Structure formats: structure tokens, C-alpha cells
Amino acid sequence: MMVKELGIDRLSVLEKLTLIEEIWDSLPENVQTDEIPEWHQKELAKRLSHAKAFPHDKKPWREALARYGEVS
């Protein structure tokens, strides 16, 4: 399915983020690693490593959204 075919390209940033949240929440809790692309596994490992190295370098999700004027 394509972004344009589904009309996702016409959604606001907030609507897209809400859609991403809904898709994320619909994923099963346990996923086989062969179902996850290698590039994604590498990116997750990189981010996990960064989070462990810099535990105070984070912001609440709503604060990140507010940065783009989508949530007050």
C-alpha cells in the first residue's frame, strides 16, 4: 500500500503521529527478528546504546510534539 493511495500524505503531522501510534500499538508484543529489517535492528541497537549512555538525554513525548506546534 502506498502513502498516496491511502491518503496518508494529506494528514496533518498530528494525524500521522496518531496513526503511527495506532500501528505501533497493533504490533504483537513478541516479534521474530527475521520479521524486522536488518537496517531497523541496527538503528534500534544504536538508539538503545545512546539511551543507556545518556539516560538523562530525553524529553517527554508531548514536549517533542509541542516543538512542532501540534500539541500545547
Protein backbone atom coordinates (compact mmCIF):
# COMPACT_ATOMS: atom_id res chain seq x y z
CA MET A 1 0.00 0.00 0.00
CA MET A 2 1.23 3.44 -0.82
CA VAL A 3 1.05 6.62 1.24
CA LYS A 4 -0.81 8.49 -1.51
CA GLU A 5 -3.20 5.60 -2.19
CA LEU A 6 -4.19 5.56 1.47
CA GLY A 7 -4.39 9.35 1.71
CA ILE A 8 -1.72 9.47 4.41
CA ASP A 9 0.06 12.27 2.56
CA ARG A 10 -2.95 14.52 3.23
CA LEU A 11 -2.88 14.02 7.01
CA SER A 12 -1.51 16.64 9.40
CA VAL A 13 1.62 15.86 11.39
CA LEU A 14 -0.51 15.15 14.47
CA GLU A 15 -2.78 12.81 12.49
CA LYS A 16 0.26 10.99 11.08
CA LEU A 17 1.78 10.60 14.54
CA THR A 18 -1.54 9.32 15.87
CA LEU A 19 -1.65 6.80 13.02
CA ILE A 20 1.91 5.71 13.78
CA GLU A 21 0.94 5.23 17.43
CA GLU A 22 -2.05 3.11 16.44
CA ILE A 23 0.06 0.99 14.10
CA TRP A 24 2.77 0.61 16.76
CA ASP A 25 0.18 -0.44 19.35
CA SER A 26 -1.21 -3.03 16.93
CA LEU A 27 2.14 -4.84 16.65
CA PRO A 28 2.42 -8.06 18.61
CA GLU A 29 4.47 -7.98 21.81
CA ASN A 30 6.82 -10.68 20.57
CA VAL A 31 8.18 -10.41 17.04
CA GLN A 32 10.64 -12.75 15.37
CA THR A 33 13.85 -10.94 14.49
CA ASP A 34 13.63 -12.26 10.92
CA GLU A 35 10.48 -10.12 10.56
CA ILE A 36 12.45 -6.93 11.29
CA PRO A 37 14.67 -5.47 8.54
CA GLU A 38 18.38 -5.50 9.37
CA TRP A 39 18.66 -1.72 8.99
CA HIS A 40 15.91 -1.30 11.57
CA GLN A 41 17.61 -3.64 14.04
CA LYS A 42 20.84 -1.64 13.65
CA GLU A 43 19.01 1.65 14.23
CA LEU A 44 17.28 0.26 17.32
CA ALA A 45 20.61 -1.00 18.70
CA LYS A 46 22.18 2.42 18.07
CA ARG A 47 19.35 4.23 19.84
CA LEU A 48 19.35 1.80 22.77
CA SER A 49 23.09 2.26 23.15
CA HIS A 50 22.66 6.05 23.13
CA ALA A 51 19.83 5.87 25.68
CA LYS A 52 21.98 3.76 28.02
CA ALA A 53 25.00 6.05 27.61
CA PHE A 54 22.97 9.24 28.13
CA PRO A 55 19.99 8.31 30.38
CA HIS A 56 19.08 11.95 31.10
CA ASP A 57 19.12 12.98 27.43
CA LYS A 58 15.40 12.56 26.80
CA LYS A 59 12.15 14.52 26.63
CA PRO A 60 8.52 13.60 27.23
CA TRP A 61 6.67 12.70 24.03
CA ARG A 62 4.20 15.60 24.41
CA GLU A 63 7.10 18.05 24.71
CA ALA A 64 8.56 16.74 21.47
CA LEU A 65 5.19 17.15 19.75
CA ALA A 66 4.75 20.67 21.13
CA ARG A 67 8.05 21.61 19.48
CA TYR A 68 6.25 21.35 16.14
CA GLY A 69 3.18 23.24 17.32
CA GLU A 70 0.93 20.19 17.16
CA VAL A 71 0.22 19.88 20.89
CA SER A 72 0.08 22.56 23.53
